[in-house]
């Protein structure tokens, strides 16, 4: 072939290869500005760089720690969120079981913030809450986790919104030196506690700490009652440390928590928001417990709905 004909032949051949449906093969056609994908062919979406996990309580408690971690791993999950464990021997056992299964303990769900809220006017209640958080932070250090989830306050007839804000911030600031020492983030979650009801409000609450050790734990399902997850994701942006996945279904007589993809969450919009903000942490399913087949199904749903 003459040089000009050879160039034309190569261009046409590569263009045809880019448009062809090769199973399991992606050609880097977009890497060169000389070639473009044929019009009318939708671009293949890139997988989000996100770790997939579950809360540890989704693996039934009737099994041993070793069996539960193996079940989680076999279902395709990389990480778990584990509740606070004050018993040091049990905490050590959990670490060994996770290591054997090659599953990362990604985060800790603090367990005392509902019963003993930091926003309480009772110093004894507040101290119990702080003690629970200190245990959670030390669990995180032992287990190699980098985040502890915290519900910061509860608004009720005894605690005003303003008091919940000021009291909880005051107590969280006392925890910040330990968080920094252990290199563990305290992540504030939005829940149905009549507090932090909008994304700008939560942004302001977190920003007032002026600390890299205070961030947001975002729950996709929790905000469905009064907002849109994609809006929260874009507003909180880089403040989001970790994410819970749930789905929420509105009904004529109320609502229901349902399996992923069976509710009203707009998963394509959620995925687009995570891609837009560049989120690259982990997503933790927080659903009812179930056997390994159920966990495999949840894992597949996360792949299909979110991760690509």
Protein backbone atom coordinates (compact mmCIF):
# COMPACT_ATOMS: atom_id res chain seq x y z
CA UNK A 1 0.00 0.00 0.00
CA UNK A 2 1.03 3.55 -0.63
CA UNK A 3 1.39 5.69 2.54
CA UNK A 4 -1.81 7.72 2.02
CA UNK A 5 -3.90 4.60 1.37
CA UNK A 6 -2.33 2.84 4.37
CA UNK A 7 -3.29 5.72 6.70
CA UNK A 8 -6.87 5.71 5.41
CA UNK A 9 -7.08 1.95 5.87
CA UNK A 10 -5.80 2.11 9.47
CA UNK A 11 -8.22 4.89 10.38
CA UNK A 12 -11.21 3.05 9.03
CA UNK A 13 -10.13 -0.21 10.66
CA UNK A 14 -9.68 1.35 14.12
CA UNK A 15 -12.96 3.24 13.85
CA UNK A 16 -14.73 -0.02 13.01
CA UNK A 17 -13.07 -1.78 15.94
CA UNK A 18 -14.14 0.97 18.34
CA UNK A 19 -17.75 0.62 17.25
CA UNK A 20 -17.79 -3.17 17.39
CA UNK A 21 -19.38 -4.85 20.46
CA UNK A 22 -16.40 -6.81 21.81
CA UNK A 23 -17.56 -8.66 24.91
CA UNK A 24 -15.46 -7.83 27.96
CA UNK A 25 -13.01 -5.69 26.01
CA UNK A 26 -12.71 -1.91 26.16
CA UNK A 27 -10.58 -0.19 23.54
CA UNK A 28 -9.07 3.13 24.49
CA UNK A 29 -10.47 4.83 21.38
CA UNK A 30 -11.03 8.11 23.15
CA UNK A 31 -7.35 8.35 24.04
CA UNK A 32 -6.54 9.70 20.58
CA UNK A 33 -8.26 12.88 19.35
CA UNK A 34 -8.02 11.62 15.76
CA UNK A 35 -10.77 9.02 16.26
CA UNK A 36 -14.31 9.48 17.62
CA UNK A 37 -17.01 7.01 18.58
CA UNK A 38 -19.70 6.71 15.91
CA UNK A 39 -22.78 8.91 16.51
CA UNK A 40 -25.74 7.21 18.18
CA UNK A 41 -23.66 4.79 20.26
CA UNK A 42 -24.02 5.66 23.97
CA UNK A 43 -20.73 5.96 25.90
CA UNK A 44 -19.99 3.16 28.32
CA UNK A 45 -20.20 4.49 31.87
CA UNK A 46 -17.07 4.08 33.95
CA UNK A 47 -17.24 2.17 37.24
CA UNK A 48 -17.18 4.37 40.33
CA UNK A 49 -14.06 3.93 42.43
CA UNK A 50 -16.01 2.96 45.53
CA UNK A 51 -15.63 0.10 48.01
CA UNK A 52 -18.72 -2.01 48.59
CA UNK A 53 -19.71 -3.02 52.11
CA UNK A 54 -22.41 -3.99 54.60
CA UNK A 55 -23.15 -3.32 58.23
CA UNK A 56 -21.95 -6.37 60.14
CA UNK A 57 -25.42 -6.95 61.64
CA UNK A 58 -26.69 -7.98 58.18
CA UNK A 59 -24.81 -11.26 58.66
CA UNK A 60 -26.95 -13.21 61.18
CA UNK A 61 -25.67 -13.23 64.75
CA UNK A 62 -26.31 -16.97 65.13
CA UNK A 63 -23.04 -17.56 63.27
CA UNK A 64 -19.53 -17.07 64.66
CA UNK A 65 -17.48 -13.99 63.82
CA UNK A 66 -15.39 -16.10 61.43
CA UNK A 67 -18.45 -17.49 59.67
CA UNK A 68 -20.05 -14.05 59.37
CA UNK A 69 -16.97 -12.43 57.87
CA UNK A 70 -16.57 -15.33 55.43
CA UNK A 71 -20.23 -14.97 54.44
CA UNK A 72 -19.73 -11.27 53.77
CA UNK A 73 -16.60 -11.92 51.73
CA UNK A 74 -18.18 -14.73 49.71
CA UNK A 75 -21.09 -12.43 48.88
CA UNK A 76 -18.68 -10.01 47.21
CA UNK A 77 -18.24 -7.31 49.84
CA UNK A 78 -14.86 -5.75 50.55
CA UNK A 79 -15.59 -3.98 53.84
CA UNK A 80 -17.94 -3.95 56.82
CA UNK A 81 -19.15 -1.46 59.39
CA UNK A 82 -19.00 -2.94 62.89
CA UNK A 83 -20.88 -1.70 65.98
CA UNK A 84 -18.97 -0.45 69.00
CA UNK A 85 -17.47 -3.30 71.04
CA UNK A 86 -16.49 -2.39 74.62
CA UNK A 87 -15.27 -5.93 75.43
CA UNK A 88 -11.59 -5.93 74.51
CA UNK A 89 -11.37 -9.70 74.07
CA UNK A 90 -14.32 -9.67 71.66
CA UNK A 91 -12.78 -6.73 69.82
CA UNK A 92 -9.58 -8.73 69.34
CA UNK A 93 -11.58 -11.73 68.15
CA UNK A 94 -13.41 -9.55 65.61
CA UNK A 95 -10.11 -8.25 64.26
CA UNK A 96 -8.70 -11.76 63.81
CA UNK A 97 -11.85 -12.99 62.07
CA UNK A 98 -11.84 -10.02 59.68
CA UNK A 99 -8.15 -10.56 58.88
CA UNK A 100 -8.72 -14.25 58.16
CA UNK A 101 -11.53 -13.43 55.73
CA UNK A 102 -9.53 -10.59 54.15
CA UNK A 103 -12.41 -8.20 54.83
CA UNK A 104 -11.62 -4.66 55.92
CA UNK A 105 -13.35 -3.12 58.92
CA UNK A 106 -14.15 0.14 57.27
CA UNK A 107 -15.91 2.04 60.03
CA UNK A 108 -17.56 1.84 63.44
CA UNK A 109 -21.21 2.51 64.20
CA UNK A 110 -21.20 4.24 67.57
CA UNK A 111 -23.90 2.63 69.72
CA UNK A 112 -24.58 5.05 72.61
CA UNK A 113 -25.66 8.24 70.86
CA UNK A 114 -29.41 7.46 70.83
CA UNK A 115 -29.78 6.33 74.43
CA UNK A 116 -27.28 8.90 75.69
CA UNK A 117 -27.37 11.90 73.31
CA UNK A 118 -24.62 14.51 73.45
CA UNK A 119 -27.35 17.16 73.39
CA UNK A 120 -28.76 16.11 76.78
CA UNK A 121 -28.86 18.65 79.62
CA UNK A 122 -27.85 15.87 82.05
CA UNK A 123 -24.05 15.74 82.53
CA UNK A 124 -24.20 12.05 83.46
CA UNK A 125 -25.95 11.19 80.18
CA UNK A 126 -23.45 13.24 78.20
CA UNK A 127 -20.51 11.53 79.88
CA UNK A 128 -21.90 8.10 78.96
CA UNK A 129 -22.21 9.28 75.37
CA UNK A 130 -18.64 10.59 75.36
CA UNK A 131 -17.36 7.34 76.89
CA UNK A 132 -19.10 5.38 74.12
CA UNK A 133 -17.48 7.57 71.48
CA UNK A 134 -14.05 7.16 73.04
CA UNK A 135 -14.51 3.38 72.93
CA UNK A 136 -15.65 3.61 69.30
CA UNK A 137 -12.60 5.66 68.34
CA UNK A 138 -10.27 3.16 70.01
CA UNK A 139 -12.11 0.28 68.31
CA UNK A 140 -11.42 2.04 65.01
CA UNK A 141 -7.71 2.28 65.78
CA UNK A 142 -7.51 -1.41 66.73
CA UNK A 143 -9.45 -2.56 63.67
CA UNK A 144 -7.74 -0.29 61.16
CA UNK A 145 -10.89 1.72 60.43
CA UNK A 146 -10.73 5.41 59.62
CA UNK A 147 -14.25 6.63 60.52
CA UNK A 148 -16.69 6.48 63.44
CA UNK A 149 -20.34 7.29 62.73
CA UNK A 150 -21.97 9.67 65.20
CA UNK A 151 -25.56 10.86 65.55
CA UNK A 152 -24.73 14.22 67.14
CA UNK A 153 -27.97 15.23 68.85
CA UNK A 154 -31.66 14.56 69.38
CA UNK A 155 -34.27 17.33 69.31
CA UNK A 156 -37.25 16.62 71.57
CA UNK A 157 -39.58 18.47 73.97
CA UNK A 158 -36.74 18.72 76.47
CA UNK A 159 -34.03 19.82 74.00
CA UNK A 160 -34.53 22.75 71.64
CA UNK A 161 -32.99 22.90 68.20
CA UNK A 162 -30.55 25.62 69.27
CA UNK A 163 -29.56 23.70 72.39
CA UNK A 164 -29.02 20.54 70.33
CA UNK A 165 -26.70 22.49 68.04
CA UNK A 166 -24.61 24.23 70.69
CA UNK A 167 -24.44 21.40 73.21
CA UNK A 168 -23.47 18.73 70.68
CA UNK A 169 -20.81 20.90 69.06
CA UNK A 170 -19.31 21.66 72.46
CA UNK A 171 -19.01 17.97 73.33
CA UNK A 172 -17.73 16.91 69.89
CA UNK A 173 -14.93 19.45 70.24
CA UNK A 174 -13.79 17.63 73.38
CA UNK A 175 -13.44 14.46 71.26
CA UNK A 176 -11.47 16.08 68.45
CA UNK A 177 -8.02 15.78 70.10
CA UNK A 178 -8.48 12.00 70.49
CA UNK A 179 -9.77 11.70 66.93
CA UNK A 180 -6.70 13.55 65.67
CA UNK A 181 -4.35 11.47 67.83
CA UNK A 182 -5.83 8.21 66.52
CA UNK A 183 -6.25 9.55 62.97
CA UNK A 184 -9.94 8.62 62.92
CA UNK A 185 -12.66 10.84 61.45
CA UNK A 186 -15.88 11.52 63.35
CA UNK A 187 -18.62 11.42 60.72
CA UNK A 188 -21.94 13.13 61.51
CA UNK A 189 -24.99 11.26 60.20
CA UNK A 190 -28.34 12.74 59.21
CA UNK A 191 -31.12 10.64 60.71
CA UNK A 192 -34.72 11.07 61.84
CA UNK A 193 -33.73 12.98 64.98
CA UNK A 194 -35.42 16.28 63.98
CA UNK A 195 -31.94 17.78 63.52
CA UNK A 196 -29.86 18.83 60.48
CA UNK A 197 -32.81 18.64 58.11
CA UNK A 198 -31.28 20.22 55.00
CA UNK A 199 -27.96 19.94 53.15
CA UNK A 200 -26.94 23.61 53.69
CA UNK A 201 -27.66 23.24 57.39
CA UNK A 202 -25.55 20.12 57.71
CA UNK A 203 -22.79 21.79 55.73
CA UNK A 204 -22.78 24.75 58.13
CA UNK A 205 -22.78 22.48 61.19
CA UNK A 206 -19.72 20.55 59.95
CA UNK A 207 -17.84 23.58 58.66
CA UNK A 208 -18.09 25.34 62.03
CA UNK A 209 -15.71 22.78 63.52
CA UNK A 210 -12.99 23.85 61.05
CA UNK A 211 -11.40 20.42 61.42
CA UNK A 212 -10.47 17.67 58.94
CA UNK A 213 -11.50 15.17 61.63
CA UNK A 214 -15.18 16.13 61.47
CA UNK A 215 -17.02 15.13 58.30
CA UNK A 216 -20.41 13.81 57.15
CA UNK A 217 -21.80 10.30 57.07
CA UNK A 218 -24.44 10.41 54.35
CA UNK A 219 -27.42 8.03 54.31
CA UNK A 220 -29.13 7.82 50.91
CA UNK A 221 -32.43 6.53 52.30
CA UNK A 222 -32.77 8.72 55.38
CA UNK A 223 -33.20 11.96 53.43
CA UNK A 224 -35.97 10.62 51.18
CA UNK A 225 -38.62 11.75 53.68
CA UNK A 226 -37.67 15.41 53.29
CA UNK A 227 -35.32 15.76 50.33
CA UNK A 228 -33.40 14.24 47.43
CA UNK A 229 -30.16 12.26 47.93
CA UNK A 230 -28.51 13.69 44.81
CA UNK A 231 -29.05 17.23 46.15
CA UNK A 232 -27.46 16.35 49.49
CA UNK A 233 -24.49 14.64 47.78
CA UNK A 234 -23.71 17.67 45.62
CA UNK A 235 -24.07 20.10 48.53
CA UNK A 236 -22.06 18.11 51.07
CA UNK A 237 -19.53 17.24 48.34
CA UNK A 238 -16.06 16.51 49.75
CA UNK A 239 -17.39 16.58 53.31
CA UNK A 240 -18.85 13.08 52.82
CA UNK A 241 -16.61 10.51 54.50
CA UNK A 242 -18.79 7.39 54.11
CA UNK A 243 -22.24 6.42 52.84
CA UNK A 244 -25.13 4.20 53.92
CA UNK A 245 -27.35 2.64 51.26
CA UNK A 246 -31.05 2.09 51.92
CA UNK A 247 -34.19 2.45 49.83
CA UNK A 248 -37.43 4.12 50.85
CA UNK A 249 -40.93 3.52 49.48
CA UNK A 250 -43.77 6.01 49.94
CA UNK A 251 -47.23 4.48 50.43
CA UNK A 252 -50.73 5.86 50.83
CA UNK A 253 -50.73 4.84 54.47
CA UNK A 254 -47.14 5.82 55.22
CA UNK A 255 -43.81 4.41 54.06
CA UNK A 256 -41.63 1.33 54.12
CA UNK A 257 -37.94 0.47 54.05
CA UNK A 258 -37.41 -1.83 51.09
CA UNK A 259 -34.55 -3.58 49.32
CA UNK A 260 -32.31 -1.55 47.05
CA UNK A 261 -34.00 -0.73 43.77
CA UNK A 262 -37.52 -1.40 45.07
CA UNK A 263 -38.21 2.06 46.45
CA UNK A 264 -38.31 5.68 45.36
CA UNK A 265 -34.56 6.45 45.35
CA UNK A 266 -33.50 7.72 41.91
CA UNK A 267 -30.39 5.56 41.65
CA UNK A 268 -29.15 6.94 38.29
CA UNK A 269 -29.31 10.45 39.78
CA UNK A 270 -27.48 9.29 42.92
CA UNK A 271 -24.80 7.63 40.83
CA UNK A 272 -24.40 10.76 38.70
CA UNK A 273 -24.02 12.92 41.81
CA UNK A 274 -21.31 10.64 43.23
CA UNK A 275 -19.49 10.69 39.88
CA UNK A 276 -19.78 14.47 39.67
CA UNK A 277 -18.34 15.03 43.15
CA UNK A 278 -15.63 12.40 42.68
CA UNK A 279 -16.65 10.40 45.72
CA UNK A 280 -14.25 7.49 46.22
CA UNK A 281 -14.98 6.22 49.71
CA UNK A 282 -17.18 3.26 50.57
CA UNK A 283 -20.88 2.54 50.39
CA UNK A 284 -22.32 0.41 53.19
CA UNK A 285 -25.66 -1.35 52.77
CA UNK A 286 -27.75 -0.94 55.93
CA UNK A 287 -30.62 -3.39 55.52
CA UNK A 288 -32.23 -6.27 57.38
CA UNK A 289 -30.16 -9.41 58.12
CA UNK A 290 -30.25 -12.41 55.82
CA UNK A 291 -28.48 -15.52 54.62
CA UNK A 292 -25.66 -15.69 52.10
CA UNK A 293 -28.01 -15.83 49.11
CA UNK A 294 -29.66 -12.64 50.32
CA UNK A 295 -26.30 -10.93 50.82
CA UNK A 296 -25.23 -11.96 47.31
CA UNK A 297 -28.42 -10.41 45.96
CA UNK A 298 -27.76 -7.15 47.83
CA UNK A 299 -24.21 -7.13 46.47
CA UNK A 300 -25.50 -7.59 42.90
CA UNK A 301 -28.04 -4.80 43.39
CA UNK A 302 -25.31 -2.38 44.44
CA UNK A 303 -23.31 -3.32 41.35
CA UNK A 304 -26.29 -2.84 39.07
CA UNK A 305 -27.76 0.30 40.61
CA UNK A 306 -24.68 2.25 41.62
CA UNK A 307 -21.23 0.95 40.91
CA UNK A 308 -21.56 0.18 37.20
